[in-house]
Amino acid sequence: MSETPSISIYESLFAQSDETDAILVVEGKKMHVNKTVLSFHSDYFKTLFNGEFKEKSMPEIPIEDVNFEDFAATLSLLFPSPIKPTDENVERLLEIADRFLIPSAKDSLKLFMKLCKMEKMNKIRIQRPKRLHTHIPVRIADKNKFMDSPIDLAAFVLYNLRMWESAERTHYSGEIPDKTSYEKYEKLCKAMGKEAISYEEYKYWFHMYYKQRERDDLPIPDIRGCILSDVINGKTAEKSMNDLSEAFKNHKIDKEDHGYWYKRFENGHLFSQVTFSNLPENVVSEIAEKCDLMSYLQLRKVSNGLRSILDHSKPPLTHFSFEFEENQISLNLNNEVPVIFTDLNDLDPPSHFPGHFYKFKDNDYAKVAFNYLEMVLKNRKLQLNHFGVVFPKEKHNKSNQMLRDLLSSLSHKIHAKHFVIRFQNDEDLITMLKCIKPGTLKSLSLGAYIEDDGELPELPSIASIDILVEMEQWKQAKYLRILLFLDTSIEHFFHFKAFDIYIISLSIEDALNLAHALSNNSDFNSCRIEVERYDQEAVKNALRIDQDNLTELFPNLYIQFDISEIVIRNVDSPLMFHFH
């Protein structure tokens, strides 16, 4: 009986999971990865996954000219539990991190190389122990007490030396550390949960680094321990930056990097591997707000904690609509991603959405759909350009009541510039419109279902019109389109900049009042009115329309009649306003 081949640590780390969404192939071996995580850490992969390259659409992406184990070890440095580099492979891993533009991996590898170099120096010193001039017996420091922490002791000591920090001596020689320097070192270790070496051991290292302070070939210092010490001791970010720049004149201190680490330490975070799960919530929110829609949806799959943060961040949604249909509820995200909830098996993606498509099949599909609706609509940071709702044809569909319950639970108004609704029940219209934020709402498009005979229906009740025209959403909107016949006063439309309506009747008095109001409305652009019953010739004569469709009564208006249609526009407006 053949044995199942064992999987190496490299392969197991990149095995397929719910969080992976791409496959890289290196030396014939598959590596399952998360596009969003790699794109966040690497400009190379950000371009590979999101740019206009053939690899973007490939189910498996080959990575050429690289060793599988070295490549896997390099990418593992982006994980909370990475594969540790070795003296033998660290330089190869550094080349890979440089080739694939992964700065966080490069930083980790450079720090490892620095610590390895220090360890080799320590081994040499341990063979030839010395005594300081104070004749205190030296107990050589256990290298592991600071080798396993990100504190660059050499940088910390040199920083103290060059700042001439001495609480006890006016003429500070620098060869022996003062108590203030050691106390800062102790605070640093305590903050990191590390055991501090003794004062005698600290003096030994202090003396060694003191002798090297003027050398030009010193490695680039890792100043993060110095920044953390400054934070612990209450030094301002500006003062810290200035002091470090003065202390390490031969090395350019990057202000942006300094600011990042200072803020990170100030917020209580230390040196742990930066992943989405331990980034500050405001940073994750900023990342989410800069994502495209598909990256945002992928991020929500990474973890429950990250999903919770994203659901309270501004989503990359500008177009959102949903429609209740028989056996399904459909969502449209940014006109690019349809999401359908159904209890049907044989449901194909819409032909007009050739790209991404999500289908959720469930016997209680409405409940699943409303969980998603609730997630979107309860997000206070949601800001939509377009918001659309299509209610079911059945007046008493259970989805109607579920939506009313959801809307009544909102503690805020929905931010939407353009609102489109198709409804059968005027209660749904009023309930929905009440939830839109006045002031931000610029245009309204209201419609009902077309009857079988092709005729537009009347609004079910005159009471709903009275309620509608008194709502702030109506009064503050600038553009209006109503695709159903209304039996109401024409004066309710005078304040709009542009409107497209259907009305039952129009008297001569209504026509004169309308023209007078629009002529005096400095914001007015245009309107189109479909009238079911009116005396066209009488209205034209009352308005004194000439052959050019102009009138001396209202010289700033162009008024055109065409059977049942009246079109009015400001003569200074070159084009009619068109509703989308």
Protein backbone atom coordinates (compact mmCIF):
# COMPACT_ATOMS: atom_id res chain seq x y z
CA MET A 1 0.00 0.00 0.00
CA SER A 2 1.54 3.29 -1.06
CA GLU A 3 2.05 6.04 1.48
CA THR A 4 0.62 9.50 0.99
CA PRO A 5 3.54 11.82 0.22
CA SER A 6 4.31 14.21 3.07
CA ILE A 7 3.72 17.91 2.54
CA SER A 8 6.60 20.24 3.35
CA ILE A 9 6.22 23.21 5.69
CA TYR A 10 6.53 25.44 2.62
CA GLU A 11 3.59 23.77 0.85
CA SER A 12 1.41 23.54 3.97
CA LEU A 13 1.82 27.26 4.64
CA PHE A 14 0.39 28.04 1.20
CA ALA A 15 -2.34 25.37 1.10
CA GLN A 16 -5.79 26.31 -0.21
CA SER A 17 -8.21 27.86 2.30
CA ASP A 18 -11.30 30.08 2.45
CA GLU A 19 -9.01 33.12 2.57
CA THR A 20 -7.05 32.38 -0.64
CA ASP A 21 -8.21 33.56 -4.06
CA ALA A 22 -5.19 33.14 -6.37
CA ILE A 23 -2.66 30.45 -7.31
CA LEU A 24 1.04 31.06 -7.99
CA VAL A 25 3.05 28.22 -9.56
CA VAL A 26 6.76 28.03 -8.70
CA GLU A 27 8.90 25.13 -9.97
CA GLY A 28 5.69 23.18 -10.64
CA LYS A 29 4.33 23.62 -7.10
CA LYS A 30 1.13 25.53 -6.37
CA MET A 31 1.01 28.31 -3.79
CA HIS A 32 -2.48 29.47 -2.77
CA VAL A 33 -2.37 33.16 -1.78
CA ASN A 34 -4.64 36.10 -0.97
CA LYS A 35 -4.49 38.80 -3.68
CA THR A 36 -5.41 41.65 -1.32
CA VAL A 37 -2.73 40.78 1.26
CA LEU A 38 0.03 40.46 -1.38
CA SER A 39 -1.12 43.64 -3.15
CA PHE A 40 -1.01 45.53 0.17
CA HIS A 41 2.62 44.52 0.83
CA SER A 42 3.98 44.52 -2.74
CA ASP A 43 3.64 46.91 -5.68
CA TYR A 44 4.74 44.03 -7.93
CA PHE A 45 1.75 41.88 -7.00
CA LYS A 46 -0.57 44.90 -6.90
CA THR A 47 0.26 45.51 -10.57
CA LEU A 48 0.18 41.79 -11.43
CA PHE A 49 -3.30 41.25 -9.97
CA ASN A 50 -4.89 44.57 -10.94
CA GLY A 51 -3.05 45.76 -14.04
CA GLU A 52 -3.87 45.08 -17.66
CA PHE A 53 -1.72 41.95 -17.98
CA LYS A 54 -2.68 38.48 -19.16
CA GLU A 55 -1.80 37.05 -15.73
CA LYS A 56 -4.77 38.95 -14.25
CA SER A 57 -7.23 36.50 -15.78
CA MET A 58 -5.10 33.34 -15.54
CA PRO A 59 -6.35 30.67 -13.08
CA GLU A 60 -2.73 29.81 -12.24
CA ILE A 61 0.07 32.37 -12.51
CA PRO A 62 3.61 31.03 -13.15
CA ILE A 63 6.53 32.67 -11.33
CA GLU A 64 9.75 32.02 -13.22
CA ASP A 65 13.44 31.89 -12.30
CA VAL A 66 13.08 31.51 -8.55
CA ASN A 67 13.57 28.67 -6.08
CA PHE A 68 10.28 27.42 -4.58
CA GLU A 69 11.50 27.16 -0.97
CA ASP A 70 13.24 30.53 -1.06
CA PHE A 71 10.18 32.20 -2.62
CA ALA A 72 7.83 30.60 -0.06
CA ALA A 73 10.11 31.59 2.82
CA THR A 74 10.15 35.20 1.58
CA LEU A 75 6.35 35.46 1.27
CA SER A 76 5.96 33.80 4.69
CA LEU A 77 7.52 36.91 6.24
CA LEU A 78 4.16 38.60 5.58
CA PHE A 79 2.45 36.07 7.88
CA PRO A 80 2.12 36.16 11.69
CA SER A 81 4.20 32.93 12.00
CA PRO A 82 6.84 33.13 9.23
CA ILE A 83 9.49 30.60 8.25
CA LYS A 84 12.64 31.93 9.90
CA PRO A 85 15.52 32.81 7.57
CA THR A 86 18.98 31.31 8.06
CA ASP A 87 22.56 32.49 7.56
CA GLU A 88 22.65 30.36 4.41
CA ASN A 89 19.53 31.69 2.66
CA VAL A 90 19.07 35.22 3.99
CA GLU A 91 20.89 36.90 1.09
CA ARG A 92 18.87 34.93 -1.47
CA LEU A 93 15.63 35.87 0.30
CA LEU A 94 16.70 39.51 0.31
CA GLU A 95 17.20 39.37 -3.48
CA ILE A 96 13.69 37.91 -3.89
CA ALA A 97 12.15 40.58 -1.63
CA ASP A 98 13.91 43.23 -3.71
CA ARG A 99 12.87 41.68 -7.04
CA PHE A 100 9.21 41.40 -6.03
CA LEU A 101 9.10 44.80 -4.31
CA ILE A 102 8.23 43.65 -0.77
CA PRO A 103 9.68 46.35 1.54
CA SER A 104 8.39 44.85 4.81
CA ALA A 105 10.14 41.55 4.02
CA LYS A 106 13.35 43.43 3.13
CA ASP A 107 13.27 45.25 6.48
CA SER A 108 12.85 41.97 8.38
CA LEU A 109 15.70 40.33 6.46
CA LYS A 110 18.06 43.30 6.91
CA LEU A 111 17.36 43.26 10.64
CA PHE A 112 18.07 39.52 10.75
CA MET A 113 21.40 40.05 8.95
CA LYS A 114 22.32 42.80 11.40
CA LEU A 115 21.53 40.60 14.38
CA CYS A 116 23.57 37.75 12.86
CA LYS A 117 26.53 40.08 12.46
CA MET A 118 26.21 41.23 16.08
CA GLU A 119 26.01 37.61 17.25
CA LYS A 120 29.24 36.77 15.44
CA MET A 121 30.92 39.77 17.09
CA ASN A 122 29.68 38.62 20.47
CA LYS A 123 31.12 35.13 20.00
CA ILE A 124 34.52 36.67 19.34
CA ARG A 125 34.23 38.84 22.47
CA ILE A 126 33.14 35.91 24.61
CA GLN A 127 36.45 34.19 23.76
CA ARG A 128 38.38 37.24 25.11
CA PRO A 129 36.44 38.63 28.08
CA LYS A 130 37.65 41.98 29.41
CA ARG A 131 37.21 44.12 32.49
CA LEU A 132 36.24 47.74 32.39
CA HIS A 133 38.46 50.29 34.09
CA THR A 134 36.10 50.33 37.08
CA HIS A 135 37.43 46.84 38.04
CA ILE A 136 33.88 45.47 38.28
CA PRO A 137 33.94 41.82 37.12
CA VAL A 138 32.19 41.53 33.80
CA ARG A 139 29.55 38.82 33.34
CA ILE A 140 29.35 38.56 29.58
CA ALA A 141 25.80 39.35 28.41
CA ASP A 142 23.61 36.50 27.34
CA LYS A 143 23.27 37.34 23.66
CA ASN A 144 19.74 35.96 23.55
CA LYS A 145 18.52 38.59 26.00
CA PHE A 146 18.47 41.18 23.25
CA MET A 147 19.27 39.27 20.10
CA ASP A 148 15.67 38.02 19.95
CA SER A 149 14.15 41.50 20.22
CA PRO A 150 14.01 44.24 17.60
CA ILE A 151 15.97 46.63 19.86
CA ASP A 152 19.16 47.69 18.08
CA LEU A 153 21.28 48.12 21.19
CA ALA A 154 24.10 49.74 19.22
CA ALA A 155 21.73 52.39 17.85
CA PHE A 156 20.22 52.93 21.29
CA VAL A 157 23.64 53.43 22.90
CA LEU A 158 24.91 55.73 20.14
CA TYR A 159 21.71 57.77 20.36
CA ASN A 160 22.26 58.26 24.09
CA LEU A 161 25.93 59.10 23.60
CA ARG A 162 25.35 61.69 20.92
CA MET A 163 22.59 63.36 22.89
CA TRP A 164 25.05 63.72 25.81
CA GLU A 165 22.47 62.52 28.29
CA SER A 166 23.93 62.60 31.80
CA ALA A 167 21.89 63.14 34.91
CA GLU A 168 24.86 62.74 37.26
CA ARG A 169 27.93 64.20 35.57
CA THR A 170 28.63 67.68 34.32
CA HIS A 171 31.69 66.49 32.39
CA TYR A 172 30.46 63.27 30.83
CA SER A 173 33.23 61.09 29.39
CA GLY A 174 30.84 58.73 27.62
CA GLU A 175 32.83 55.58 28.37
CA ILE A 176 30.53 54.52 31.21
CA PRO A 177 26.76 54.87 30.91
CA ASP A 178 25.01 57.11 33.37
CA LYS A 179 22.03 55.80 35.30
CA THR A 180 19.60 57.78 33.14
CA SER A 181 20.69 55.89 30.01
CA TYR A 182 20.31 52.51 31.72
CA GLU A 183 16.95 53.47 33.21
CA LYS A 184 15.68 54.29 29.72
CA TYR A 185 16.96 50.92 28.55
CA GLU A 186 15.09 49.22 31.42
CA LYS A 187 11.87 51.05 30.52
CA LEU A 188 12.31 49.96 26.92
CA CYS A 189 12.66 46.29 27.90
CA LYS A 190 9.70 46.50 30.27
CA ALA A 191 7.50 47.98 27.55
CA MET A 192 8.44 45.10 25.26
CA GLY A 193 8.07 42.41 27.92
CA LYS A 194 11.77 41.53 27.65
CA GLU A 195 14.18 40.83 30.50
CA ALA A 196 16.80 43.56 30.81
CA ILE A 197 20.46 42.69 31.08
CA SER A 198 22.19 43.85 34.25
CA TYR A 199 23.74 47.28 34.65
CA GLU A 200 27.24 45.69 34.57
CA GLU A 201 26.44 43.89 31.33
CA TYR A 202 24.93 47.06 29.87
CA LYS A 203 28.15 48.91 30.72
CA TYR A 204 30.13 46.32 28.81
CA TRP A 205 28.14 46.82 25.62
CA PHE A 206 28.01 50.55 26.16
CA HIS A 207 31.83 50.66 26.31
CA MET A 208 32.16 48.52 23.17
CA TYR A 209 29.82 50.70 21.13
CA TYR A 210 31.40 53.86 22.53
CA LYS A 211 34.71 52.84 20.95
CA GLN A 212 33.00 52.36 17.58
CA ARG A 213 31.06 55.62 17.58
CA GLU A 214 33.31 57.47 15.09
CA ARG A 215 33.60 54.65 12.55
CA ASP A 216 32.23 55.33 9.07
CA ASP A 217 31.53 51.68 8.20
CA LEU A 218 28.88 51.06 10.86
CA PRO A 219 25.74 49.32 9.58
CA ILE A 220 22.59 51.36 9.05
CA PRO A 221 21.02 51.75 12.49
CA ASP A 222 17.58 50.37 13.29
CA ILE A 223 16.18 53.37 15.18
CA ARG A 224 12.79 51.88 16.11
CA GLY A 225 13.98 51.15 19.65
CA CYS A 226 15.11 54.78 19.92
CA ILE A 227 11.70 56.00 18.73
CA LEU A 228 9.91 53.73 21.21
CA SER A 229 12.16 55.04 24.01
CA ASP A 230 11.29 58.62 23.01
CA VAL A 231 7.57 57.79 23.12
CA ILE A 232 7.94 56.12 26.54
CA ASN A 233 9.79 59.12 27.92
CA GLY A 234 7.32 61.68 26.60
CA LYS A 235 9.40 63.22 23.83
CA THR A 236 7.29 64.81 21.08
CA ALA A 237 7.36 63.42 17.55
CA GLU A 238 9.02 66.59 16.24
CA LYS A 239 11.69 66.57 18.97
CA SER A 240 12.33 62.87 18.43
CA MET A 241 12.78 63.35 14.69
CA ASN A 242 15.14 66.30 15.17
CA ASP A 243 17.26 64.50 17.81
CA LEU A 244 17.58 61.34 15.73
CA SER A 245 18.56 63.33 12.64
CA GLU A 246 21.23 65.09 14.71
CA ALA A 247 22.47 61.85 16.28
CA PHE A 248 22.72 59.93 13.00
CA LYS A 249 23.91 62.63 10.62
CA ASN A 250 25.49 60.10 8.25
CA HIS A 251 22.17 58.36 7.71
CA LYS A 252 19.09 60.02 6.28
CA ILE A 253 16.16 59.51 8.68
CA ASP A 254 12.97 59.17 6.66
CA LYS A 255 10.36 61.48 8.21
CA GLU A 256 7.42 59.42 6.95
CA ASP A 257 8.84 56.17 8.37
CA HIS A 258 9.61 57.90 11.66
CA GLY A 259 6.06 59.26 11.82
CA TYR A 260 4.59 55.82 11.14
CA TRP A 261 6.53 54.11 13.93
CA TYR A 262 6.06 56.97 16.39
CA LYS A 263 2.28 56.87 15.86
CA ARG A 264 2.26 53.07 16.04
CA PHE A 265 4.15 53.05 19.36
CA GLU A 266 2.03 55.92 20.67
CA ASN A 267 -1.10 53.82 19.97
CA GLY A 268 0.30 50.92 22.00
CA HIS A 269 1.45 48.68 19.14
CA LEU A 270 5.00 47.29 19.17
CA PHE A 271 7.05 45.27 16.68
CA SER A 272 4.71 42.39 15.84
CA GLN A 273 4.28 41.51 12.17
CA VAL A 274 1.90 44.01 10.62
CA THR A 275 -1.21 42.23 9.34
CA PHE A 276 -4.74 43.49 8.80
CA SER A 277 -5.76 42.01 12.13
CA ASN A 278 -3.41 44.19 14.17
CA LEU A 279 -3.46 47.40 12.14
CA PRO A 280 -5.26 50.28 13.89
CA GLU A 281 -8.92 50.43 12.88
CA ASN A 282 -8.52 53.88 11.36
CA VAL A 283 -5.69 52.58 9.13
CA VAL A 284 -7.78 49.59 8.01
CA SER A 285 -10.65 51.98 7.29
CA GLU A 286 -8.37 54.17 5.16
CA ILE A 287 -7.21 51.09 3.22
CA ALA A 288 -10.80 49.94 2.72
CA GLU A 289 -11.88 53.35 1.42
CA LYS A 290 -9.13 53.25 -1.21
CA CYS A 291 -9.98 49.71 -2.38
CA ASP A 292 -11.98 48.98 -5.47
CA LEU A 293 -15.20 47.06 -4.97
CA MET A 294 -13.81 43.57 -5.66
CA SER A 295 -10.85 44.07 -3.29
CA TYR A 296 -13.28 45.28 -0.64
CA LEU A 297 -15.45 42.17 -1.06
CA GLN A 298 -12.36 39.93 -0.85
CA LEU A 299 -11.15 41.69 2.31
CA ARG A 300 -14.47 40.91 4.01
CA LYS A 301 -13.59 37.20 3.61
CA VAL A 302 -10.25 37.44 5.42
CA SER A 303 -11.57 37.29 9.01
CA ASN A 304 -14.59 38.13 11.13
CA GLY A 305 -12.65 40.86 12.92
CA LEU A 306 -11.66 42.54 9.66
CA ARG A 307 -15.21 42.17 8.35
CA SER A 308 -16.53 43.97 11.43
CA ILE A 309 -14.15 46.90 10.84
CA LEU A 310 -15.01 47.07 7.13
CA ASP A 311 -18.73 47.07 7.85
CA HIS A 312 -18.21 50.27 9.83
CA SER A 313 -15.93 51.88 7.21
CA LYS A 314 -16.98 53.79 4.12
CA PRO A 315 -17.61 51.14 1.46
CA PRO A 316 -16.49 51.69 -2.16
CA LEU A 317 -20.12 51.78 -3.29
CA THR A 318 -21.40 54.65 -5.42
CA HIS A 319 -24.23 52.80 -7.17
CA PHE A 320 -26.51 50.49 -5.19
CA SER A 321 -29.90 49.13 -6.12
CA PHE A 322 -32.01 46.14 -5.22
CA GLU A 323 -35.05 44.52 -6.78
CA PHE A 324 -37.65 42.13 -5.41
CA GLU A 325 -38.74 39.56 -7.96
CA GLU A 326 -40.53 36.25 -7.95
CA ASN A 327 -38.28 33.65 -6.26
CA GLN A 328 -35.33 36.02 -5.98
CA ILE A 329 -33.90 39.28 -4.66
CA SER A 330 -31.24 40.98 -6.79
CA LEU A 331 -28.57 43.48 -5.75
CA ASN A 332 -26.60 45.64 -8.17
CA LEU A 333 -23.26 46.90 -6.88
CA ASN A 334 -21.64 49.76 -8.82
CA ASN A 335 -23.22 48.51 -12.06
CA GLU A 336 -20.50 45.87 -12.19
CA VAL A 337 -21.35 43.17 -9.66
CA PRO A 338 -24.79 41.53 -9.56
CA VAL A 339 -25.64 39.53 -6.45
CA ILE A 340 -28.72 37.29 -6.59
CA PHE A 341 -30.42 35.50 -3.71
CA THR A 342 -32.80 32.75 -4.81
CA ASP A 343 -34.24 29.32 -4.12
CA LEU A 344 -33.86 28.34 -7.77
CA ASN A 345 -31.11 26.04 -9.09
CA ASP A 346 -31.05 26.94 -12.78
CA LEU A 347 -30.35 30.65 -12.54
CA ASP A 348 -27.74 32.08 -14.93
CA PRO A 349 -25.90 35.39 -14.54
CA PRO A 350 -27.51 38.38 -16.28
CA SER A 351 -26.27 38.83 -19.85
CA HIS A 352 -25.54 42.53 -19.26
CA PHE A 353 -23.12 41.68 -16.42
CA PRO A 354 -20.35 39.69 -18.13
CA GLY A 355 -17.90 40.08 -15.23
CA HIS A 356 -18.30 39.18 -11.59
CA PHE A 357 -21.48 37.44 -10.47
CA TYR A 358 -22.54 36.06 -7.09
CA LYS A 359 -25.46 33.71 -6.49
CA PHE A 360 -26.64 32.61 -3.06
CA LYS A 361 -29.11 29.73 -3.12
CA ASP A 362 -31.10 29.17 0.05
CA ASN A 363 -34.62 28.01 0.86
CA ASP A 364 -34.95 31.14 2.98
CA TYR A 365 -33.17 33.33 0.45
CA ALA A 366 -35.03 36.49 1.57
CA LYS A 367 -33.55 36.25 5.07
CA VAL A 368 -30.02 35.86 3.66
CA ALA A 369 -30.58 38.78 1.27
CA PHE A 370 -31.81 41.06 4.04
CA ASN A 371 -28.72 40.30 6.10
CA TYR A 372 -26.68 41.81 3.26
CA LEU A 373 -29.11 44.71 2.84
CA GLU A 374 -28.85 45.45 6.53
CA MET A 375 -25.04 45.42 6.36
CA VAL A 376 -25.08 48.02 3.57
CA LEU A 377 -27.91 50.29 4.69
CA LYS A 378 -26.89 50.43 8.36
CA ASN A 379 -23.42 51.69 7.46
CA ARG A 380 -23.44 55.37 8.45
CA LYS A 381 -20.53 56.12 6.10
CA LEU A 382 -22.34 54.90 2.99
CA GLN A 383 -22.42 57.66 0.35
CA LEU A 384 -24.24 56.84 -2.87
CA ASN A 385 -24.51 58.70 -6.13
CA HIS A 386 -27.32 56.40 -7.22
CA PHE A 387 -29.76 54.47 -5.02
CA GLY A 388 -32.48 52.37 -6.61
CA VAL A 389 -35.32 50.19 -5.31
CA VAL A 390 -37.78 48.06 -7.28
CA PHE A 391 -40.64 46.71 -5.17
CA PRO A 392 -42.55 43.55 -6.13
CA LYS A 393 -45.70 43.77 -8.19
CA GLU A 394 -47.65 42.02 -5.45
CA LYS A 395 -48.83 44.63 -2.97
CA HIS A 396 -48.61 42.27 -0.02
CA ASN A 397 -45.31 40.53 -0.75
CA LYS A 398 -43.50 39.58 2.51
CA SER A 399 -40.37 41.39 1.32
CA ASN A 400 -42.22 44.71 1.56
CA GLN A 401 -42.77 44.33 5.28
CA MET A 402 -39.24 43.04 5.85
CA LEU A 403 -37.89 46.16 4.15
CA ARG A 404 -40.16 48.45 6.18
CA ASP A 405 -38.91 46.78 9.37
CA LEU A 406 -35.31 47.23 8.27
CA LEU A 407 -35.82 50.89 7.38
CA SER A 408 -37.56 51.63 10.67
CA SER A 409 -34.53 50.21 12.53
CA LEU A 410 -32.11 52.68 10.91
CA SER A 411 -30.73 55.33 13.26
CA HIS A 412 -29.61 57.60 10.40
CA LYS A 413 -30.73 58.84 6.99
CA ILE A 414 -29.27 57.23 3.87
CA HIS A 415 -26.88 59.52 1.96
CA ALA A 416 -27.90 59.40 -1.73
CA LYS A 417 -27.76 62.04 -4.47
CA HIS A 418 -30.10 60.33 -6.92
CA PHE A 419 -32.96 58.11 -5.84
CA VAL A 420 -34.98 55.88 -8.19
CA ILE A 421 -37.95 53.82 -7.05
CA ARG A 422 -40.54 51.64 -8.79
CA PHE A 423 -43.46 50.80 -6.53
CA GLN A 424 -46.96 49.39 -6.44
CA ASN A 425 -48.01 50.64 -3.02
CA ASP A 426 -47.73 54.32 -2.11
CA GLU A 427 -46.92 53.32 1.48
CA ASP A 428 -43.66 51.82 0.19
CA LEU A 429 -42.83 55.08 -1.60
CA ILE A 430 -43.39 57.25 1.48
CA THR A 431 -41.57 54.83 3.82
CA MET A 432 -38.58 54.61 1.49
CA LEU A 433 -38.32 58.33 0.79
CA LYS A 434 -38.41 59.20 4.50
CA CYS A 435 -35.15 57.32 4.93
CA ILE A 436 -33.23 59.40 2.36
CA LYS A 437 -31.22 62.32 3.74
CA PRO A 438 -32.71 65.71 2.70
CA GLY A 439 -30.23 68.19 1.30
CA THR A 440 -27.93 65.53 -0.15
CA LEU A 441 -30.80 64.23 -2.30
CA LYS A 442 -30.65 66.04 -5.65
CA SER A 443 -32.96 64.09 -7.93
CA LEU A 444 -36.03 61.87 -7.59
CA SER A 445 -37.31 59.38 -10.14
CA LEU A 446 -40.62 57.81 -9.13
CA GLY A 447 -42.51 55.21 -11.12
CA ALA A 448 -45.06 52.44 -10.95
CA TYR A 449 -45.50 49.30 -12.99
CA ILE A 450 -46.89 49.70 -16.51
CA GLU A 451 -50.31 48.10 -16.90
CA ASP A 452 -50.88 45.32 -19.42
CA ASP A 453 -52.54 47.78 -21.79
CA GLY A 454 -49.47 50.02 -21.72
CA GLU A 455 -51.24 52.81 -19.87
CA LEU A 456 -49.58 54.62 -16.97
CA PRO A 457 -51.45 54.12 -13.70
CA GLU A 458 -52.65 56.85 -11.37
CA LEU A 459 -51.09 57.23 -7.96
CA PRO A 460 -53.23 55.07 -5.69
CA SER A 461 -54.37 57.77 -3.34
CA ILE A 462 -54.50 61.59 -3.27
CA ALA A 463 -53.52 61.49 0.39
CA SER A 464 -50.11 60.16 -0.53
CA ILE A 465 -49.56 63.15 -2.81
CA ASP A 466 -50.37 65.51 0.03
CA ILE A 467 -47.85 63.73 2.25
CA LEU A 468 -45.23 63.55 -0.50
CA VAL A 469 -45.17 67.25 -1.35
CA GLU A 470 -44.75 68.21 2.32
CA MET A 471 -41.64 66.09 2.81
CA GLU A 472 -38.26 67.84 3.04
CA GLN A 473 -36.85 65.33 0.59
CA TRP A 474 -39.35 66.66 -2.01
CA LYS A 475 -38.89 70.32 -1.14
CA GLN A 476 -35.06 70.24 -1.26
CA ALA A 477 -34.65 68.08 -4.37
CA LYS A 478 -33.71 69.87 -7.61
CA TYR A 479 -34.71 67.35 -10.26
CA LEU A 480 -37.86 65.26 -10.53
CA ARG A 481 -39.20 62.55 -12.80
CA ILE A 482 -42.55 60.84 -12.15
CA LEU A 483 -43.63 58.11 -14.54
CA LEU A 484 -47.31 57.92 -13.58
CA PHE A 485 -50.27 60.23 -13.97
CA LEU A 486 -50.95 62.61 -11.09
CA ASP A 487 -54.08 64.51 -10.21
CA THR A 488 -52.59 67.35 -8.20
CA SER A 489 -51.83 71.05 -8.25
CA ILE A 490 -49.16 72.17 -10.69
CA GLU A 491 -47.72 74.50 -8.07
CA HIS A 492 -46.01 71.57 -6.32
CA PHE A 493 -43.43 71.54 -9.14
CA PHE A 494 -42.52 75.23 -9.30
CA HIS A 495 -39.33 74.96 -7.22
CA PHE A 496 -37.62 72.24 -9.29
CA LYS A 497 -34.73 73.08 -11.58
CA ALA A 498 -35.95 70.44 -14.04
CA PHE A 499 -38.85 68.01 -14.02
CA ASP A 500 -40.58 65.42 -16.19
CA ILE A 501 -44.16 64.61 -15.13
CA TYR A 502 -47.52 63.20 -16.22
CA ILE A 503 -50.69 64.98 -15.07
CA ILE A 504 -54.39 64.36 -15.56
CA SER A 505 -55.41 67.90 -16.55
CA LEU A 506 -54.08 71.44 -17.04
CA SER A 507 -56.29 74.54 -17.01
CA ILE A 508 -55.48 77.93 -18.58
CA GLU A 509 -54.93 79.32 -15.08
CA ASP A 510 -52.53 76.45 -14.27
CA ALA A 511 -50.57 77.12 -17.46
CA LEU A 512 -50.23 80.85 -16.72
CA ASN A 513 -49.20 80.22 -13.12
CA LEU A 514 -46.66 77.64 -14.23
CA ALA A 515 -45.07 79.91 -16.84
CA HIS A 516 -44.98 82.82 -14.40
CA ALA A 517 -43.32 80.73 -11.67
CA LEU A 518 -40.72 79.18 -13.99
CA SER A 519 -39.93 82.56 -15.53
CA ASN A 520 -39.11 83.88 -12.05
CA ASN A 521 -37.14 80.81 -10.98
CA SER A 522 -33.51 81.76 -11.61
CA ASP A 523 -32.43 78.08 -11.31
CA PHE A 524 -34.98 76.76 -13.80
CA ASN A 525 -33.57 74.75 -16.70
CA SER A 526 -36.35 72.82 -18.37
CA CYS A 527 -39.42 70.64 -17.96
CA ARG A 528 -41.57 68.23 -19.90
CA ILE A 529 -45.24 67.77 -19.03
CA GLU A 530 -47.44 65.02 -20.44
CA VAL A 531 -51.09 66.10 -20.05
CA GLU A 532 -54.01 63.68 -20.45
CA ARG A 533 -56.74 66.35 -20.86
CA TYR A 534 -56.40 70.05 -21.75
CA ASP A 535 -57.44 72.60 -24.35
CA GLN A 536 -54.15 73.09 -26.21
CA GLU A 537 -55.28 75.99 -28.44
CA ALA A 538 -56.80 77.89 -25.49
CA VAL A 539 -53.58 77.50 -23.49
CA LYS A 540 -51.41 78.60 -26.45
CA ASN A 541 -53.57 81.67 -26.99
CA ALA A 542 -53.50 82.57 -23.29
CA LEU A 543 -49.69 82.34 -23.29
CA ARG A 544 -49.49 84.27 -26.63
CA ILE A 545 -47.12 81.76 -28.22
CA ASP A 546 -45.67 82.91 -31.57
CA GLN A 547 -44.43 80.79 -34.44
CA ASP A 548 -40.96 80.54 -32.85
CA ASN A 549 -42.46 79.10 -29.65
CA LEU A 550 -41.66 82.27 -27.73
CA THR A 551 -43.98 84.58 -25.83
CA GLU A 552 -43.85 88.29 -25.04
CA LEU A 553 -45.40 87.55 -21.62
CA PHE A 554 -42.41 85.46 -20.56
CA PRO A 555 -39.51 86.36 -22.88
CA ASN A 556 -37.00 84.13 -21.07
CA LEU A 557 -39.00 80.94 -21.77
CA TYR A 558 -39.19 78.69 -24.82
CA ILE A 559 -42.57 76.84 -24.86
CA GLN A 560 -43.31 74.07 -27.35
CA PHE A 561 -46.55 72.09 -27.74
CA ASP A 562 -46.79 68.63 -29.33
CA ILE A 563 -50.18 66.86 -29.08
CA SER A 564 -50.33 65.94 -25.35
CA GLU A 565 -46.82 67.12 -24.50
CA ILE A 566 -45.62 70.54 -23.34
CA VAL A 567 -41.91 71.32 -23.23
CA ILE A 568 -40.65 74.47 -21.49
CA ARG A 569 -37.07 75.57 -21.12
CA ASN A 570 -35.11 78.64 -20.20
CA VAL A 571 -33.88 80.31 -23.39
CA ASP A 572 -30.47 80.72 -21.76
CA SER A 573 -30.22 76.93 -21.26
CA PRO A 574 -28.68 75.45 -24.40
CA LEU A 575 -29.90 71.90 -23.79
CA MET A 576 -32.80 70.14 -22.15
CA PHE A 577 -31.93 68.37 -18.92
CA HIS A 578 -32.01 64.59 -19.44
CA PHE A 579 -32.75 62.18 -16.61
CA HIS A 580 -30.61 59.05 -16.33
